């Protein structure tokens, strides 16, 4: 969890992200740049009636930590100008890198990328949704399956200059029903690696210990039980799942 000064020191607001669907502010705590999403600024969602988005964001960070893959930037709950909310360390992305992209179909790279789907742009041209084929992004795809991420847009994958890939905006996670909507479908049917399986094992073990205790403060008992079932099901299958159910397999918009 965050150092005490990140919890108790003054949170100064410096701006607001007006494109976000819920109240989202930029701020600082000392020298640390942060994102602050107050619970009071969340819009009610009919299909996520339990708890709040901030709690789900913190729960996603806790799972990321147990996985040991550093997917979610440090995230915690604390008070701010508009009451309790989620606070997350801001990440400066590399503008020269992208992990998810839309390209003309003839420009899909032959290696190093996975094609997810094709569609038409506003000019009627065929374009392809692609994402990079890297261990970092594979781990994020595993994470999304476990937490049942209903909103993995391309812009929610942050490409860092050192090759790391952070995932952000995890308010729509941990639903007890199947809600997986993601742009990271490129490994459907592929076997999980030994490292990925070991990560799932760490989560399953953690659910019987500290992780389970922490999640009990943030999620409902039904959500935690469904989370445990997803972990066990993925571990047993040993491969990336395919889209299923009647709901769309990708979020909209894609970015």
Foldseek 3Di string as FASTA:
>chain_A
DDDVQVAPAAWAFDAWDPVDPWTWTWTDRVPFTKIWGDQVRDDDDPQCNDFTLQLQQQLLVLLCVLLVLQAAADKDWHQHPRGITIMGTDDDFDPVDFFKDKAQPVPDDPDQKFWDDWDADPVRGIITIMGGDDPQVVLVLLSCLLFLQQAAARVQWGHHPVGHIYGDDRSRTLDLDRRAAHSPQRFAPPFDDPSSLVSLVSVLVCCVDDSVVSSVVRDPPSSSVSSNVSSVVCNVVRGRHDDDDDDDNHDPPRD
